[in-house]
Amino acid sequence: MKKLVGLIIAAAAAAMLFSLAACSEQTFTEGSYTLSGTEVKSITVDAEDRAVEVVASTDGNVKVEYYASDKEYYDISADGGHLTVSLVLDKSWTDYVGAQPDISYRTIRMEVPGVALESLKISTTNEKIELSQISATDVSLVNNWGDITFGKMSVGNGAEFVTKNGNISGILAGELNDYSVTCTVKKGSTNLPENKDGGEKTLAVDCNNGDVNIEFSA
């Protein structure tokens, strides 16, 4: 009898979870936000459970492409030359039951002109940060449970790369001697020195449970 009761309870719980998962399904709609490249001096992206891709613009504009629902959407604003893209989650606990939306709905894609930005800051979790050739005075890329990769990046003052449970790889313009380096790696390998002084620019790397491979190219 106890075994039968247990099976009934388990079946009821499974049915409830299935029902909650069905109720938590969302409808995503494609969206975009465009500004002239001359209007944008700095960019900040603050998200979670999102992949962030930054590519070179083909028309000189800054463009943000994304998918949003009534429970997962973006607050996008441009003020004084600073573009901010922030993920907003308006979800109840039942919305976290079941599988996540497909990665195609959880990707922020940005097009950025080749002109140097004053700053570029990106923070996300659980997915990759991937950049093509970017130029900025200051760069900060932070990822929790995901990789950070970048093409040849030109940095004016300094770059910061932080990841946990992910790898960091890319190319920085110039030579290693151009940078003062601090590099902390736990449970992984790195091709950078732990500490190096003397550079006019700063390179700060913190990687927990992953590898670091940053090359330099003129």
Protein backbone atom coordinates (compact mmCIF):
# COMPACT_ATOMS: atom_id res chain seq x y z
CA MET A 1 0.00 0.00 0.00
CA LYS A 2 2.78 2.43 0.91
CA LYS A 3 4.47 1.65 -2.37
CA LEU A 4 1.26 2.41 -4.28
CA VAL A 5 0.81 5.71 -2.43
CA GLY A 6 4.40 6.63 -3.23
CA LEU A 7 3.85 5.92 -6.93
CA ILE A 8 0.69 8.03 -6.95
CA ILE A 9 2.49 10.94 -5.28
CA ALA A 10 5.41 10.66 -7.71
CA ALA A 11 3.06 10.59 -10.68
CA ALA A 12 1.17 13.62 -9.37
CA ALA A 13 4.41 15.52 -8.84
CA ALA A 14 5.59 14.67 -12.35
CA ALA A 15 2.26 15.81 -13.79
CA MET A 16 2.47 19.09 -11.88
CA LEU A 17 6.01 19.77 -13.09
CA PHE A 18 4.98 18.98 -16.65
CA SER A 19 2.07 21.38 -16.32
CA LEU A 20 4.28 24.10 -14.87
CA ALA A 21 6.84 23.63 -17.61
CA ALA A 22 4.13 23.95 -20.23
CA CYS A 23 2.80 27.09 -18.55
CA SER A 24 6.30 28.60 -18.45
CA GLU A 25 6.82 28.40 -22.22
CA GLN A 26 7.42 31.81 -23.71
CA THR A 27 6.93 33.45 -27.06
CA PHE A 28 10.01 35.38 -28.20
CA THR A 29 9.93 38.22 -30.69
CA GLU A 30 12.93 39.48 -32.64
CA GLY A 31 13.98 43.05 -31.95
CA SER A 32 16.73 45.51 -32.84
CA TYR A 33 18.07 48.88 -31.77
CA THR A 34 20.22 51.06 -34.04
CA LEU A 35 22.26 54.20 -33.48
CA SER A 36 24.74 56.08 -35.61
CA GLY A 37 28.29 55.06 -34.72
CA THR A 38 29.13 58.73 -34.17
CA GLU A 39 26.60 58.86 -31.32
CA VAL A 40 28.13 56.01 -29.29
CA LYS A 41 31.29 56.50 -27.25
CA SER A 42 30.93 53.63 -24.79
CA ILE A 43 28.91 50.41 -24.44
CA THR A 44 27.83 48.41 -21.40
CA VAL A 45 26.06 45.04 -21.61
CA ASP A 46 24.71 43.48 -18.39
CA ALA A 47 23.04 40.09 -18.82
CA GLU A 48 22.81 36.52 -17.56
CA ASP A 49 22.26 33.21 -19.35
CA ARG A 50 23.01 35.05 -22.58
CA ALA A 51 25.65 34.66 -25.26
CA VAL A 52 27.07 38.00 -26.39
CA GLU A 53 28.54 38.38 -29.87
CA VAL A 54 30.20 41.58 -31.06
CA VAL A 55 31.11 41.93 -34.74
CA ALA A 56 32.34 44.70 -37.02
CA SER A 57 29.66 46.99 -38.43
CA THR A 58 29.26 47.14 -42.20
CA ASP A 59 27.46 50.49 -42.33
CA GLY A 60 29.08 52.57 -39.58
CA ASN A 61 26.16 52.13 -37.19
CA VAL A 62 25.88 50.47 -33.81
CA LYS A 63 23.18 47.81 -33.92
CA VAL A 64 21.83 45.54 -31.19
CA GLU A 65 19.88 42.44 -32.25
CA TYR A 66 18.04 40.26 -29.75
CA TYR A 67 14.93 38.23 -28.92
CA ALA A 68 12.61 39.23 -26.09
CA SER A 69 9.46 37.96 -24.40
CA ASP A 70 7.12 39.50 -21.87
CA LYS A 71 9.18 37.83 -19.12
CA GLU A 72 12.70 38.24 -20.54
CA TYR A 73 13.37 41.55 -22.22
CA TYR A 74 15.93 44.33 -22.44
CA ASP A 75 16.26 47.83 -21.09
CA ILE A 76 18.22 49.64 -23.81
CA SER A 77 19.13 53.28 -23.44
CA ALA A 78 21.56 55.79 -24.91
CA ASP A 79 22.50 58.81 -22.84
CA GLY A 80 25.39 61.17 -23.44
CA GLY A 81 27.04 58.78 -25.86
CA HIS A 82 26.79 55.81 -23.50
CA LEU A 83 24.79 52.82 -24.76
CA THR A 84 23.50 50.45 -22.06
CA VAL A 85 21.90 47.07 -22.72
CA SER A 86 20.50 45.37 -19.59
CA LEU A 87 18.54 42.13 -19.41
CA VAL A 88 15.34 42.36 -17.36
CA LEU A 89 13.82 39.17 -15.93
CA ASP A 90 10.19 39.40 -14.84
CA LYS A 91 9.74 35.74 -13.91
CA SER A 92 8.11 33.70 -11.16
CA TRP A 93 9.62 30.51 -9.81
CA THR A 94 7.47 28.38 -12.12
CA ASP A 95 9.15 30.02 -15.11
CA TYR A 96 12.40 28.35 -14.12
CA VAL A 97 10.89 24.86 -14.38
CA GLY A 98 11.78 22.96 -17.55
CA ALA A 99 14.34 23.59 -20.27
CA GLN A 100 15.75 27.00 -21.07
CA PRO A 101 14.74 28.73 -24.30
CA ASP A 102 16.87 27.84 -27.31
CA ILE A 103 20.24 29.59 -27.52
CA SER A 104 19.06 31.49 -30.60
CA TYR A 105 16.65 33.34 -28.31
CA ARG A 106 19.35 33.89 -25.70
CA THR A 107 21.94 35.62 -27.87
CA ILE A 108 22.70 39.34 -27.98
CA ARG A 109 24.39 40.26 -31.25
CA MET A 110 26.00 43.67 -31.61
CA GLU A 111 27.53 45.42 -34.59
CA VAL A 112 30.15 48.03 -33.71
CA PRO A 113 32.09 50.37 -36.06
CA GLY A 114 35.86 50.20 -36.27
CA VAL A 115 36.30 53.57 -34.54
CA ALA A 116 37.70 53.32 -31.03
CA LEU A 117 35.23 53.31 -28.16
CA GLU A 118 36.04 54.97 -24.86
CA SER A 119 34.93 51.83 -23.02
CA LEU A 120 33.40 48.43 -23.65
CA LYS A 121 32.02 46.47 -20.69
CA ILE A 122 30.26 43.12 -21.03
CA SER A 123 29.04 40.87 -18.23
CA THR A 124 27.09 37.63 -18.64
CA THR A 125 26.75 34.06 -17.34
CA ASN A 126 26.53 30.49 -18.64
CA GLU A 127 27.20 31.31 -22.30
CA LYS A 128 30.08 32.66 -24.39
CA ILE A 129 31.36 36.18 -24.96
CA GLU A 130 32.78 36.38 -28.48
CA LEU A 131 34.25 39.50 -30.10
CA SER A 132 35.74 40.17 -33.51
CA GLN A 133 38.29 42.97 -33.98
CA ILE A 134 37.41 45.72 -31.51
CA SER A 135 39.15 48.95 -30.54
CA ALA A 136 38.51 50.66 -27.19
CA THR A 137 40.35 52.70 -24.60
CA ASP A 138 39.22 50.40 -21.78
CA VAL A 139 37.75 46.90 -22.03
CA SER A 140 36.14 44.73 -19.34
CA LEU A 141 34.77 41.27 -20.16
CA VAL A 142 33.34 39.21 -17.28
CA ASN A 143 31.77 35.77 -17.68
CA ASN A 144 30.62 33.24 -15.09
CA TRP A 145 30.42 29.70 -16.53
CA GLY A 146 31.42 30.54 -20.08
CA ASP A 147 34.32 31.26 -22.44
CA ILE A 148 35.71 34.63 -23.49
CA THR A 149 37.19 34.81 -26.99
CA PHE A 150 38.23 37.81 -29.05
CA GLY A 151 39.90 38.64 -32.33
CA LYS A 152 42.67 41.20 -32.57
CA MET A 153 41.75 43.83 -29.98
CA SER A 154 43.30 47.30 -29.73
CA VAL A 155 43.35 48.70 -26.19
CA GLY A 156 44.24 52.28 -25.29
CA ASN A 157 44.61 52.09 -21.50
CA GLY A 158 43.77 48.64 -20.22
CA ALA A 159 41.87 45.39 -20.50
CA GLU A 160 40.26 43.18 -17.86
CA PHE A 161 39.17 39.60 -18.52
CA VAL A 162 37.46 37.57 -15.80
CA THR A 163 35.89 34.14 -16.11
CA LYS A 164 34.88 31.25 -13.88
CA ASN A 165 34.54 27.78 -15.36
CA GLY A 166 35.58 28.96 -18.80
CA ASN A 167 38.58 29.74 -20.98
CA ILE A 168 40.00 33.08 -22.09
CA SER A 169 41.65 33.33 -25.51
CA GLY A 170 42.38 36.05 -28.02
CA ILE A 171 44.85 38.48 -29.56
CA LEU A 172 45.86 41.90 -28.25
CA ALA A 173 47.41 44.48 -30.53
CA GLY A 174 51.02 45.32 -29.68
CA GLU A 175 53.62 43.46 -27.69
CA LEU A 176 53.66 41.92 -24.23
CA ASN A 177 56.06 44.65 -23.10
CA ASP A 178 53.36 47.24 -23.80
CA TYR A 179 51.40 45.87 -20.83
CA SER A 180 51.76 45.66 -17.08
CA VAL A 181 50.25 42.26 -16.35
CA THR A 182 48.51 40.61 -13.42
CA CYS A 183 47.28 37.10 -14.14
CA THR A 184 45.60 34.75 -11.67
CA VAL A 185 44.69 31.25 -12.84
CA LYS A 186 43.23 28.51 -10.64
CA LYS A 187 42.86 24.95 -11.95
CA GLY A 188 44.13 25.83 -15.40
CA SER A 189 47.11 26.91 -17.49
CA THR A 190 48.22 30.26 -18.89
CA ASN A 191 50.78 31.61 -21.34
CA LEU A 192 50.96 34.93 -19.46
CA PRO A 193 53.30 35.86 -16.62
CA GLU A 194 51.74 36.04 -13.18
CA ASN A 195 53.04 39.57 -12.73
CA LYS A 196 54.91 41.90 -15.07
CA ASP A 197 55.57 45.61 -14.62
CA GLY A 198 56.77 48.27 -17.01
CA GLY A 199 54.01 48.50 -19.58
CA GLU A 200 52.08 51.68 -20.32
CA LYS A 201 48.83 49.70 -20.56
CA THR A 202 47.32 47.31 -18.03
CA LEU A 203 46.20 43.73 -18.56
CA ALA A 204 44.33 42.08 -15.68
CA VAL A 205 43.27 38.44 -16.07
CA ASP A 206 41.44 36.27 -13.53
CA CYS A 207 40.47 32.74 -14.56
CA ASN A 208 39.06 30.11 -12.19
CA ASN A 209 38.85 26.58 -13.60
CA GLY A 210 39.92 27.33 -17.16
CA ASP A 211 42.87 28.11 -19.42
CA VAL A 212 44.25 31.45 -20.61
CA ASN A 213 45.87 31.91 -24.01
CA ILE A 214 46.36 35.53 -25.03
CA GLU A 215 48.70 36.29 -27.93
CA PHE A 216 50.14 39.60 -29.06
CA SER A 217 50.39 40.92 -32.60
CA ALA A 218 51.60 44.12 -34.19
